[in-house]
Amino acid sequence: MSRPDSALPPAASQPSAPSSGRVVLSSADVSRALRRMAHEVLEHNKGADDLVVLGIPTRGVELAERLVAAIAQVEGVDVPVGALDVTMYRDDLRRQPVRTAHATTIPSGGIDDKIVVLVDDVLYSGRTVRAALDALGDLGRPRAVRLVVLVDRGHRELPVRADHVGKNLPTAKAERVRVRLQDHDGIEEVRIVAGPTEGQAR
């Protein structure tokens, strides 16, 4: 799925080539942000009861798994984790019909009457989150939905706000935010890169 504020596909089994632009989050910064957000989620929920964490592909899935691992370290419980593909719920399919669909994996307990925590790497226009809410509506009726993002870069087009943010990162529309994660890309960092926006804003 081509997105202006998400990373390009990594080369097979090779670390991503160095990018231009400036690094705004290092690997240590990403880890610290995930640990902090894990504490925030637990505090807001008053524990881990009824939590279900769903990552939005692609990098949101890795972030969701790492968030759940951090929660387990703090709370000593394993929170159900899965993936929520939003490809067919996007509002730009007619303009960009060729998109790679990913698997949706919902934990066995489902999402009915659960506190669903959606996890994504970058929040931009809010359109990906809107698509995720539509996808959730077809899967069940959660008690509440909360949003965790590694980076909020602003420029919202829809009334969407993250509950927990790793880094608020003011950007120009002409800039892109490139997220690289270790398991997915072989390198871990977040960069701001100058360049034209391509495709539909998230």
N, C-alpha and C. Protein backbone atom coordinates (compact mmCIF):
# COMPACT_ATOMS: atom_id res chain seq x y z
N MET A 1 0.84 -1.17 0.00
CA MET A 1 0.00 0.00 0.00
C MET A 1 0.89 1.23 0.00
N SER A 2 0.87 2.03 -1.03
CA SER A 2 1.71 3.22 -1.13
C SER A 2 1.11 4.36 -0.34
N ARG A 3 1.88 4.89 0.63
CA ARG A 3 1.37 5.94 1.48
C ARG A 3 2.46 6.99 1.63
N PRO A 4 2.12 8.27 1.66
CA PRO A 4 3.13 9.32 1.64
C PRO A 4 3.95 9.39 2.90
N ASP A 5 3.46 8.85 4.01
CA ASP A 5 4.15 8.98 5.27
C ASP A 5 4.53 7.62 5.83
N SER A 6 4.59 6.63 4.96
CA SER A 6 5.01 5.31 5.38
C SER A 6 6.22 4.92 4.56
N ALA A 7 6.91 3.90 5.02
CA ALA A 7 8.16 3.53 4.39
C ALA A 7 7.93 2.78 3.09
N LEU A 8 8.95 2.80 2.24
CA LEU A 8 8.93 2.01 1.03
C LEU A 8 9.22 0.56 1.39
N PRO A 9 8.79 -0.42 0.55
CA PRO A 9 9.05 -1.82 0.86
C PRO A 9 10.54 -2.08 0.99
N PRO A 10 10.97 -2.88 1.99
CA PRO A 10 12.38 -3.15 2.17
C PRO A 10 12.89 -4.13 1.13
N ALA A 11 14.18 -4.06 0.82
CA ALA A 11 14.79 -5.06 -0.02
C ALA A 11 14.80 -6.38 0.72
N ALA A 12 14.62 -7.47 -0.01
CA ALA A 12 14.50 -8.78 0.62
C ALA A 12 15.74 -9.10 1.43
N SER A 13 15.54 -9.38 2.73
CA SER A 13 16.56 -9.81 3.68
C SER A 13 17.75 -8.87 3.78
N GLN A 14 17.63 -7.63 3.29
CA GLN A 14 18.72 -6.67 3.38
C GLN A 14 18.24 -5.44 4.13
N PRO A 15 19.11 -4.84 4.97
CA PRO A 15 18.73 -3.59 5.61
C PRO A 15 18.46 -2.52 4.58
N SER A 16 17.55 -1.60 4.89
CA SER A 16 17.22 -0.52 3.98
C SER A 16 18.44 0.36 3.76
N ALA A 17 18.54 0.90 2.55
CA ALA A 17 19.64 1.81 2.24
C ALA A 17 19.46 3.10 3.03
N PRO A 18 20.57 3.77 3.36
CA PRO A 18 20.46 5.02 4.10
C PRO A 18 19.58 6.01 3.35
N SER A 19 18.78 6.77 4.10
CA SER A 19 17.86 7.73 3.50
C SER A 19 18.42 9.13 3.65
N SER A 20 17.94 10.03 2.83
CA SER A 20 18.25 11.44 3.00
C SER A 20 17.36 12.00 4.09
N GLY A 21 17.44 13.30 4.31
CA GLY A 21 16.61 13.90 5.33
C GLY A 21 17.27 13.82 6.69
N ARG A 22 16.47 14.08 7.73
CA ARG A 22 17.03 14.09 9.08
C ARG A 22 16.31 13.09 9.97
N VAL A 23 17.07 12.46 10.82
CA VAL A 23 16.51 11.49 11.77
C VAL A 23 15.86 12.24 12.92
N VAL A 24 14.62 11.91 13.21
CA VAL A 24 13.89 12.54 14.31
C VAL A 24 13.63 11.57 15.46
N LEU A 25 13.68 10.28 15.19
CA LEU A 25 13.58 9.27 16.23
C LEU A 25 14.60 8.18 15.94
N SER A 26 15.43 7.86 16.91
CA SER A 26 16.36 6.75 16.79
C SER A 26 15.71 5.47 17.27
N SER A 27 16.41 4.36 17.17
CA SER A 27 15.89 3.09 17.67
C SER A 27 15.58 3.18 19.16
N ALA A 28 16.48 3.81 19.93
CA ALA A 28 16.25 3.96 21.37
C ALA A 28 15.03 4.83 21.63
N ASP A 29 14.84 5.87 20.82
CA ASP A 29 13.67 6.74 20.97
C ASP A 29 12.37 5.97 20.73
N VAL A 30 12.36 5.13 19.69
CA VAL A 30 11.17 4.34 19.38
C VAL A 30 10.84 3.40 20.53
N SER A 31 11.86 2.74 21.08
CA SER A 31 11.63 1.82 22.19
C SER A 31 11.11 2.55 23.42
N ARG A 32 11.68 3.71 23.71
CA ARG A 32 11.20 4.48 24.85
C ARG A 32 9.76 4.93 24.66
N ALA A 33 9.43 5.36 23.44
CA ALA A 33 8.06 5.80 23.16
C ALA A 33 7.07 4.66 23.34
N LEU A 34 7.42 3.47 22.91
CA LEU A 34 6.52 2.32 23.05
C LEU A 34 6.34 1.95 24.52
N ARG A 35 7.41 2.00 25.30
CA ARG A 35 7.28 1.70 26.73
C ARG A 35 6.39 2.74 27.42
N ARG A 36 6.60 4.00 27.08
CA ARG A 36 5.77 5.05 27.69
C ARG A 36 4.30 4.88 27.31
N MET A 37 4.04 4.61 26.04
CA MET A 37 2.66 4.45 25.61
C MET A 37 2.01 3.22 26.23
N ALA A 38 2.80 2.16 26.47
CA ALA A 38 2.27 0.98 27.15
C ALA A 38 1.78 1.36 28.55
N HIS A 39 2.57 2.15 29.27
CA HIS A 39 2.16 2.63 30.59
C HIS A 39 0.90 3.48 30.49
N GLU A 40 0.84 4.34 29.48
CA GLU A 40 -0.32 5.23 29.32
C GLU A 40 -1.60 4.42 29.05
N VAL A 41 -1.48 3.42 28.19
CA VAL A 41 -2.64 2.58 27.87
C VAL A 41 -3.15 1.89 29.13
N LEU A 42 -2.23 1.32 29.91
CA LEU A 42 -2.61 0.63 31.13
C LEU A 42 -3.22 1.59 32.15
N GLU A 43 -2.65 2.77 32.28
CA GLU A 43 -3.19 3.75 33.22
C GLU A 43 -4.59 4.19 32.81
N HIS A 44 -4.75 4.46 31.52
CA HIS A 44 -6.06 4.92 31.03
C HIS A 44 -7.12 3.84 31.19
N ASN A 45 -6.71 2.57 31.01
CA ASN A 45 -7.64 1.45 31.08
C ASN A 45 -7.77 0.90 32.50
N LYS A 46 -6.93 1.41 33.41
CA LYS A 46 -6.87 0.88 34.78
C LYS A 46 -6.55 -0.61 34.78
N GLY A 47 -5.52 -0.96 34.00
CA GLY A 47 -5.09 -2.35 33.88
C GLY A 47 -5.27 -2.86 32.47
N ALA A 48 -5.10 -4.17 32.30
CA ALA A 48 -5.13 -4.77 30.97
C ALA A 48 -6.43 -5.51 30.68
N ASP A 49 -7.41 -5.44 31.59
CA ASP A 49 -8.65 -6.18 31.39
C ASP A 49 -9.37 -5.72 30.12
N ASP A 50 -9.81 -6.70 29.32
CA ASP A 50 -10.65 -6.48 28.13
C ASP A 50 -9.93 -5.75 26.99
N LEU A 51 -8.62 -5.61 27.08
CA LEU A 51 -7.88 -4.97 25.99
C LEU A 51 -7.67 -5.95 24.83
N VAL A 52 -7.80 -5.44 23.61
CA VAL A 52 -7.40 -6.15 22.39
C VAL A 52 -6.64 -5.14 21.55
N VAL A 53 -5.42 -5.50 21.15
CA VAL A 53 -4.57 -4.59 20.39
C VAL A 53 -4.51 -5.06 18.94
N LEU A 54 -4.82 -4.15 18.00
CA LEU A 54 -4.81 -4.49 16.58
C LEU A 54 -3.90 -3.51 15.84
N GLY A 55 -2.92 -4.03 15.12
CA GLY A 55 -2.05 -3.19 14.32
C GLY A 55 -2.57 -3.04 12.91
N ILE A 56 -2.39 -1.85 12.34
CA ILE A 56 -2.77 -1.59 10.95
C ILE A 56 -1.55 -1.84 10.08
N PRO A 57 -1.63 -2.80 9.14
CA PRO A 57 -0.46 -3.10 8.30
C PRO A 57 0.02 -1.89 7.52
N THR A 58 1.37 -1.79 7.26
CA THR A 58 2.23 -2.90 7.62
C THR A 58 2.95 -2.70 8.95
N ARG A 59 3.54 -1.54 9.14
CA ARG A 59 4.37 -1.35 10.32
C ARG A 59 3.57 -1.21 11.61
N GLY A 60 2.29 -0.92 11.50
CA GLY A 60 1.47 -0.89 12.70
C GLY A 60 1.37 -2.24 13.37
N VAL A 61 1.52 -3.32 12.60
CA VAL A 61 1.45 -4.67 13.17
C VAL A 61 2.66 -4.92 14.06
N GLU A 62 3.85 -4.59 13.57
CA GLU A 62 5.05 -4.76 14.41
C GLU A 62 4.97 -3.88 15.65
N LEU A 63 4.51 -2.66 15.50
CA LEU A 63 4.39 -1.78 16.65
C LEU A 63 3.38 -2.33 17.66
N ALA A 64 2.28 -2.90 17.17
CA ALA A 64 1.28 -3.48 18.07
C ALA A 64 1.88 -4.64 18.87
N GLU A 65 2.65 -5.48 18.21
CA GLU A 65 3.27 -6.62 18.90
C GLU A 65 4.26 -6.15 19.95
N ARG A 66 4.99 -5.10 19.64
CA ARG A 66 5.96 -4.58 20.60
C ARG A 66 5.26 -3.85 21.75
N LEU A 67 4.15 -3.19 21.46
CA LEU A 67 3.37 -2.56 22.52
C LEU A 67 2.84 -3.61 23.50
N VAL A 68 2.33 -4.70 22.96
CA VAL A 68 1.82 -5.78 23.80
C VAL A 68 2.94 -6.40 24.63
N ALA A 69 4.12 -6.54 24.04
CA ALA A 69 5.26 -7.07 24.80
C ALA A 69 5.62 -6.14 25.95
N ALA A 70 5.55 -4.83 25.70
CA ALA A 70 5.84 -3.86 26.77
C ALA A 70 4.78 -3.91 27.85
N ILE A 71 3.52 -4.08 27.47
CA ILE A 71 2.44 -4.21 28.45
C ILE A 71 2.66 -5.45 29.32
N ALA A 72 3.09 -6.54 28.69
CA ALA A 72 3.35 -7.78 29.43
C ALA A 72 4.46 -7.60 30.46
N GLN A 73 5.47 -6.81 30.12
CA GLN A 73 6.55 -6.56 31.06
C GLN A 73 6.06 -5.76 32.26
N VAL A 74 5.15 -4.85 32.02
CA VAL A 74 4.65 -3.99 33.10
C VAL A 74 3.60 -4.71 33.94
N GLU A 75 2.65 -5.35 33.26
CA GLU A 75 1.46 -5.87 33.93
C GLU A 75 1.54 -7.38 34.18
N GLY A 76 2.43 -8.07 33.47
CA GLY A 76 2.56 -9.51 33.66
C GLY A 76 1.45 -10.32 33.04
N VAL A 77 0.74 -9.74 32.06
CA VAL A 77 -0.33 -10.46 31.37
C VAL A 77 -0.13 -10.32 29.86
N ASP A 78 -0.61 -11.32 29.14
CA ASP A 78 -0.53 -11.29 27.68
C ASP A 78 -1.84 -10.75 27.11
N VAL A 79 -1.77 -9.58 26.52
CA VAL A 79 -2.94 -8.97 25.89
C VAL A 79 -3.10 -9.52 24.48
N PRO A 80 -4.30 -9.91 24.06
CA PRO A 80 -4.51 -10.41 22.70
C PRO A 80 -4.10 -9.37 21.66
N VAL A 81 -3.42 -9.82 20.62
CA VAL A 81 -2.95 -8.91 19.59
C VAL A 81 -3.25 -9.49 18.22
N GLY A 82 -3.56 -8.62 17.26
CA GLY A 82 -3.85 -9.08 15.91
C GLY A 82 -3.57 -7.99 14.90
N ALA A 83 -4.10 -8.15 13.71
CA ALA A 83 -3.88 -7.20 12.61
C ALA A 83 -5.21 -6.88 11.95
N LEU A 84 -5.36 -5.62 11.55
CA LEU A 84 -6.60 -5.16 10.91
C LEU A 84 -6.26 -4.51 9.58
N ASP A 85 -6.53 -5.23 8.49
CA ASP A 85 -6.27 -4.66 7.16
C ASP A 85 -7.44 -3.76 6.76
N VAL A 86 -7.11 -2.57 6.23
CA VAL A 86 -8.15 -1.59 5.89
C VAL A 86 -8.21 -1.33 4.39
N THR A 87 -7.50 -2.12 3.60
CA THR A 87 -7.36 -1.84 2.17
C THR A 87 -8.69 -1.61 1.48
N MET A 88 -9.64 -2.51 1.68
CA MET A 88 -10.90 -2.44 0.94
C MET A 88 -11.87 -1.42 1.53
N TYR A 89 -11.47 -0.77 2.62
CA TYR A 89 -12.32 0.24 3.25
C TYR A 89 -11.83 1.66 2.98
N ARG A 90 -10.75 1.78 2.24
CA ARG A 90 -10.20 3.11 1.96
C ARG A 90 -11.08 3.86 0.98
N ASP A 91 -11.06 5.20 1.08
CA ASP A 91 -11.92 6.01 0.21
C ASP A 91 -11.22 6.45 -1.06
N ASP A 92 -10.02 5.91 -1.31
CA ASP A 92 -9.29 6.30 -2.52
C ASP A 92 -9.07 5.13 -3.47
N LEU A 93 -9.84 4.05 -3.33
CA LEU A 93 -9.64 2.87 -4.16
C LEU A 93 -9.91 3.14 -5.63
N ARG A 94 -10.85 4.03 -5.91
CA ARG A 94 -11.16 4.32 -7.32
C ARG A 94 -10.02 5.04 -8.00
N ARG A 95 -9.29 5.84 -7.23
CA ARG A 95 -8.15 6.56 -7.80
C ARG A 95 -6.89 5.72 -7.81
N GLN A 96 -6.78 4.82 -6.81
CA GLN A 96 -5.60 3.95 -6.73
C GLN A 96 -6.07 2.52 -6.48
N PRO A 97 -6.61 1.88 -7.51
CA PRO A 97 -7.22 0.56 -7.32
C PRO A 97 -6.24 -0.56 -7.03
N VAL A 98 -4.96 -0.38 -7.39
CA VAL A 98 -3.98 -1.44 -7.20
C VAL A 98 -3.33 -1.27 -5.82
N ARG A 99 -3.78 -2.06 -4.88
CA ARG A 99 -3.24 -2.04 -3.53
C ARG A 99 -3.03 -3.47 -3.06
N THR A 100 -2.02 -3.67 -2.27
CA THR A 100 -1.75 -4.99 -1.74
C THR A 100 -2.53 -5.18 -0.45
N ALA A 101 -3.43 -6.15 -0.45
CA ALA A 101 -4.19 -6.45 0.76
C ALA A 101 -3.34 -7.29 1.70
N HIS A 102 -3.53 -7.08 2.98
CA HIS A 102 -2.84 -7.85 4.01
C HIS A 102 -3.86 -8.64 4.81
N ALA A 103 -3.37 -9.58 5.58
CA ALA A 103 -4.28 -10.43 6.36
C ALA A 103 -4.84 -9.66 7.55
N THR A 104 -6.11 -9.88 7.81
CA THR A 104 -6.73 -9.43 9.07
C THR A 104 -6.75 -10.61 10.01
N THR A 105 -6.20 -10.42 11.20
CA THR A 105 -6.14 -11.50 12.19
C THR A 105 -6.74 -10.99 13.49
N ILE A 106 -7.89 -11.51 13.84
CA ILE A 106 -8.58 -11.10 15.07
C ILE A 106 -8.39 -12.19 16.12
N PRO A 107 -7.97 -11.83 17.32
CA PRO A 107 -7.81 -12.85 18.39
C PRO A 107 -9.09 -13.64 18.61
N SER A 108 -8.94 -14.85 19.12
CA SER A 108 -10.07 -15.78 19.22
C SER A 108 -11.23 -15.24 20.05
N GLY A 109 -10.95 -14.37 21.00
CA GLY A 109 -12.03 -13.82 21.82
C GLY A 109 -12.85 -12.76 21.12
N GLY A 110 -12.43 -12.35 19.91
CA GLY A 110 -13.16 -11.35 19.15
C GLY A 110 -13.00 -9.96 19.74
N ILE A 111 -13.84 -9.03 19.26
CA ILE A 111 -13.74 -7.64 19.71
C ILE A 111 -15.02 -7.13 20.36
N ASP A 112 -16.07 -7.95 20.39
CA ASP A 112 -17.33 -7.51 21.00
C ASP A 112 -17.14 -7.16 22.47
N ASP A 113 -17.57 -5.95 22.84
CA ASP A 113 -17.48 -5.46 24.22
C ASP A 113 -16.05 -5.40 24.75
N LYS A 114 -15.08 -5.31 23.85
CA LYS A 114 -13.68 -5.16 24.23
C LYS A 114 -13.22 -3.72 24.04
N ILE A 115 -12.12 -3.37 24.69
CA ILE A 115 -11.46 -2.09 24.45
C ILE A 115 -10.42 -2.34 23.36
N VAL A 116 -10.70 -1.92 22.15
CA VAL A 116 -9.79 -2.15 21.02
C VAL A 116 -8.81 -0.99 20.92
N VAL A 117 -7.53 -1.33 20.92
CA VAL A 117 -6.47 -0.35 20.75
C VAL A 117 -5.91 -0.51 19.35
N LEU A 118 -6.18 0.46 18.48
CA LEU A 118 -5.62 0.46 17.14
C LEU A 118 -4.23 1.07 17.18
N VAL A 119 -3.30 0.47 16.45
CA VAL A 119 -1.91 0.93 16.44
C VAL A 119 -1.47 1.17 15.00
N ASP A 120 -0.90 2.34 14.75
CA ASP A 120 -0.35 2.65 13.42
C ASP A 120 0.95 3.41 13.60
N ASP A 121 1.71 3.48 12.51
CA ASP A 121 3.01 4.16 12.62
C ASP A 121 2.88 5.67 12.52
N VAL A 122 2.12 6.17 11.55
CA VAL A 122 2.01 7.62 11.34
C VAL A 122 0.55 8.02 11.20
N LEU A 123 0.17 9.07 11.90
CA LEU A 123 -1.16 9.67 11.74
C LEU A 123 -1.00 10.96 10.95
N TYR A 124 -1.76 11.06 9.85
CA TYR A 124 -1.64 12.21 8.95
C TYR A 124 -3.05 12.76 8.72
N SER A 125 -3.67 12.41 7.63
CA SER A 125 -4.99 12.97 7.31
C SER A 125 -6.10 12.41 8.18
N GLY A 126 -5.93 11.20 8.68
CA GLY A 126 -6.98 10.53 9.45
C GLY A 126 -7.80 9.56 8.63
N ARG A 127 -7.53 9.47 7.34
CA ARG A 127 -8.36 8.63 6.47
C ARG A 127 -8.12 7.13 6.71
N THR A 128 -6.90 6.75 7.05
CA THR A 128 -6.65 5.34 7.36
C THR A 128 -7.40 4.93 8.62
N VAL A 129 -7.43 5.82 9.62
CA VAL A 129 -8.15 5.52 10.85
C VAL A 129 -9.65 5.40 10.58
N ARG A 130 -10.19 6.29 9.74
CA ARG A 130 -11.60 6.19 9.38
C ARG A 130 -11.88 4.84 8.73
N ALA A 131 -11.01 4.40 7.83
CA ALA A 131 -11.18 3.10 7.19
C ALA A 131 -11.10 1.98 8.22
N ALA A 132 -10.22 2.12 9.21
CA ALA A 132 -10.10 1.10 10.25
C ALA A 132 -11.38 1.00 11.08
N LEU A 133 -11.99 2.13 11.37
CA LEU A 133 -13.24 2.12 12.13
C LEU A 133 -14.35 1.43 11.33
N ASP A 134 -14.38 1.67 10.02
CA ASP A 134 -15.36 0.99 9.18
C ASP A 134 -15.12 -0.53 9.18
N ALA A 135 -13.85 -0.92 9.09
CA ALA A 135 -13.51 -2.34 9.10
C ALA A 135 -13.91 -2.99 10.43
N LEU A 136 -13.67 -2.29 11.54
CA LEU A 136 -14.06 -2.82 12.84
C LEU A 136 -15.57 -3.03 12.92
N GLY A 137 -16.32 -2.11 12.33
CA GLY A 137 -17.78 -2.21 12.37
C GLY A 137 -18.30 -3.47 11.72
N ASP A 138 -17.55 -4.01 10.76
CA ASP A 138 -17.96 -5.25 10.12
C ASP A 138 -17.53 -6.49 10.90
N LEU A 139 -16.70 -6.30 11.92
CA LEU A 139 -16.17 -7.44 12.67
C LEU A 139 -16.81 -7.61 14.04
N GLY A 140 -17.45 -6.56 14.54
CA GLY A 140 -18.05 -6.65 15.86
C GLY A 140 -18.35 -5.28 16.42
N ARG A 141 -18.67 -5.26 17.69
CA ARG A 141 -19.04 -4.01 18.36
C ARG A 141 -18.17 -3.84 19.60
N PRO A 142 -17.03 -3.18 19.47
CA PRO A 142 -16.20 -2.96 20.65
C PRO A 142 -16.85 -1.98 21.62
N ARG A 143 -16.50 -2.08 22.88
CA ARG A 143 -16.99 -1.14 23.88
C ARG A 143 -16.42 0.25 23.64
N ALA A 144 -15.15 0.29 23.23
CA ALA A 144 -14.48 1.55 22.94
C ALA A 144 -13.31 1.27 22.01
N VAL A 145 -12.90 2.28 21.27
CA VAL A 145 -11.74 2.18 20.39
C VAL A 145 -10.78 3.31 20.73
N ARG A 146 -9.53 2.97 20.92
CA ARG A 146 -8.50 3.96 21.20
C ARG A 146 -7.41 3.84 20.16
N LEU A 147 -6.70 4.94 19.97
CA LEU A 147 -5.70 5.00 18.90
C LEU A 147 -4.33 5.32 19.46
N VAL A 148 -3.36 4.47 19.10
CA VAL A 148 -1.96 4.66 19.44
C VAL A 148 -1.18 4.85 18.15
N VAL A 149 -0.39 5.92 18.05
CA VAL A 149 0.45 6.14 16.88
C VAL A 149 1.86 6.48 17.31
N LEU A 150 2.83 6.01 16.54
CA LEU A 150 4.21 6.35 16.85
C LEU A 150 4.48 7.82 16.57
N VAL A 151 3.95 8.33 15.44
CA VAL A 151 4.17 9.72 15.03
C VAL A 151 2.85 10.35 14.61
N ASP A 152 2.59 11.55 15.13
CA ASP A 152 1.49 12.37 14.64
C ASP A 152 2.12 13.56 13.91
N ARG A 153 1.93 13.61 12.60
CA ARG A 153 2.57 14.66 11.80
C ARG A 153 1.64 15.83 11.46
N GLY A 154 0.40 15.78 11.95
CA GLY A 154 -0.52 16.88 11.70
C GLY A 154 -1.18 16.79 10.33
N HIS A 155 -1.75 17.93 9.87
CA HIS A 155 -2.41 18.05 8.56
C HIS A 155 -3.66 17.17 8.47
N ARG A 156 -4.48 17.16 9.53
CA ARG A 156 -5.67 16.33 9.54
C ARG A 156 -6.70 16.81 8.53
N GLU A 157 -7.36 15.88 7.86
CA GLU A 157 -8.47 16.16 6.97
C GLU A 157 -9.80 15.68 7.55
N LEU A 158 -9.73 14.83 8.56
CA LEU A 158 -10.92 14.31 9.24
C LEU A 158 -10.75 14.53 10.74
N PRO A 159 -11.86 14.60 11.49
CA PRO A 159 -11.77 14.86 12.93
C PRO A 159 -11.32 13.63 13.70
N VAL A 160 -10.04 13.32 13.57
CA VAL A 160 -9.45 12.14 14.21
C VAL A 160 -8.32 12.61 15.12
N ARG A 161 -8.27 12.06 16.33
CA ARG A 161 -7.21 12.41 17.27
C ARG A 161 -6.71 11.13 17.93
N ALA A 162 -5.38 11.02 18.05
CA ALA A 162 -4.80 9.86 18.72
C ALA A 162 -4.90 10.02 20.23
N ASP A 163 -5.12 8.91 20.92
CA ASP A 163 -5.16 8.91 22.38
C ASP A 163 -3.76 8.88 22.98
N HIS A 164 -2.85 8.20 22.29
CA HIS A 164 -1.48 8.06 22.78
C HIS A 164 -0.52 8.24 21.60
N VAL A 165 0.42 9.15 21.74
CA VAL A 165 1.33 9.52 20.65
C VAL A 165 2.77 9.39 21.11
N GLY A 166 3.56 8.70 20.29
CA GLY A 166 4.98 8.60 20.60
C GLY A 166 5.70 9.91 20.42
N LYS A 167 5.40 10.61 19.32
CA LYS A 167 6.07 11.88 19.01
C LYS A 167 5.16 12.74 18.15
N ASN A 168 4.85 13.94 18.62
CA ASN A 168 4.18 14.93 17.78
C ASN A 168 5.25 15.59 16.93
N LEU A 169 5.05 15.56 15.62
CA LEU A 169 6.11 15.96 14.70
C LEU A 169 5.55 16.92 13.66
N PRO A 170 5.60 18.23 13.92
CA PRO A 170 5.11 19.19 12.93
C PRO A 170 5.89 19.04 11.62
N THR A 171 5.17 18.98 10.51
CA THR A 171 5.80 18.81 9.20
C THR A 171 5.13 19.72 8.19
N ALA A 172 5.84 19.97 7.09
CA ALA A 172 5.23 20.61 5.94
C ALA A 172 4.57 19.54 5.09
N LYS A 173 3.54 19.92 4.34
CA LYS A 173 2.86 18.94 3.51
C LYS A 173 3.78 18.34 2.45
N ALA A 174 4.78 19.11 2.04
CA ALA A 174 5.69 18.62 1.02
C ALA A 174 6.70 17.63 1.57
N GLU A 175 6.73 17.48 2.89
CA GLU A 175 7.66 16.53 3.50
C GLU A 175 6.99 15.17 3.69
N ARG A 176 7.81 14.15 3.83
CA ARG A 176 7.33 12.82 4.13
C ARG A 176 7.97 12.34 5.42
N VAL A 177 7.25 11.51 6.16
CA VAL A 177 7.79 10.87 7.35
C VAL A 177 8.03 9.41 7.01
N ARG A 178 9.28 8.99 7.09
CA ARG A 178 9.63 7.61 6.76
C ARG A 178 9.96 6.85 8.03
N VAL A 179 9.17 5.82 8.29
CA VAL A 179 9.37 4.97 9.45
C VAL A 179 10.04 3.68 9.01
N ARG A 180 11.12 3.33 9.68
CA ARG A 180 11.79 2.04 9.48
C ARG A 180 11.80 1.31 10.81
N LEU A 181 11.41 0.03 10.79
CA LEU A 181 11.40 -0.79 12.00
C LEU A 181 12.29 -2.01 11.80
N GLN A 182 12.92 -2.44 12.88
CA GLN A 182 13.97 -3.44 12.77
C GLN A 182 13.51 -4.73 12.11
N ASP A 183 12.41 -5.31 12.57
CA ASP A 183 11.98 -6.59 12.03
C ASP A 183 11.52 -6.49 10.58
N HIS A 184 10.99 -5.35 10.21
CA HIS A 184 10.44 -5.18 8.87
C HIS A 184 11.48 -4.68 7.87
N ASP A 185 12.38 -3.83 8.33
CA ASP A 185 13.30 -3.14 7.41
C ASP A 185 14.78 -3.41 7.66
N GLY A 186 15.10 -4.03 8.79
CA GLY A 186 16.50 -4.27 9.11
C GLY A 186 17.22 -3.05 9.66
N ILE A 187 16.49 -1.99 9.89
CA ILE A 187 17.02 -0.77 10.48
C ILE A 187 15.87 -0.10 11.21
N GLU A 188 16.19 0.69 12.25
CA GLU A 188 15.11 1.32 12.99
C GLU A 188 15.38 2.80 13.18
N GLU A 189 14.49 3.61 12.61
CA GLU A 189 14.60 5.05 12.74
C GLU A 189 13.36 5.69 12.11
N VAL A 190 13.15 6.96 12.44
CA VAL A 190 12.12 7.76 11.79
C VAL A 190 12.81 9.00 11.23
N ARG A 191 12.58 9.28 9.95
CA ARG A 191 13.18 10.42 9.28
C ARG A 191 12.12 11.32 8.68
N ILE A 192 12.42 12.60 8.63
CA ILE A 192 11.66 13.55 7.80
C ILE A 192 12.44 13.75 6.52
N VAL A 193 11.76 13.53 5.39
CA VAL A 193 12.40 13.59 4.08
C VAL A 193 11.66 14.61 3.23
N ALA A 194 12.40 15.49 2.60
CA ALA A 194 11.79 16.45 1.69
C ALA A 194 11.38 15.75 0.40
N GLY A 195 10.24 16.17 -0.14
CA GLY A 195 9.82 15.56 -1.40
C GLY A 195 8.33 15.69 -1.59
N PRO A 196 7.84 15.55 -2.80
CA PRO A 196 6.41 15.67 -3.07
C PRO A 196 5.64 14.54 -2.43
N THR A 197 4.44 14.84 -1.97
CA THR A 197 3.55 13.82 -1.45
C THR A 197 3.05 12.96 -2.57
N GLU A 198 3.09 11.65 -2.37
CA GLU A 198 2.63 10.71 -3.40
C GLU A 198 1.44 9.94 -2.87
N GLY A 199 0.43 9.77 -3.71
CA GLY A 199 -0.71 8.95 -3.35
C GLY A 199 -1.66 9.65 -2.39
N GLN A 200 -2.52 8.86 -1.79
CA GLN A 200 -3.56 9.38 -0.90
C GLN A 200 -3.02 9.57 0.49
N ALA A 201 -3.28 10.71 1.08
CA ALA A 201 -2.87 10.96 2.46
C ALA A 201 -3.58 10.01 3.41
N ARG A 202 -2.88 9.57 4.44
CA ARG A 202 -3.45 8.61 5.39
C ARG A 202 -4.40 9.32 6.33
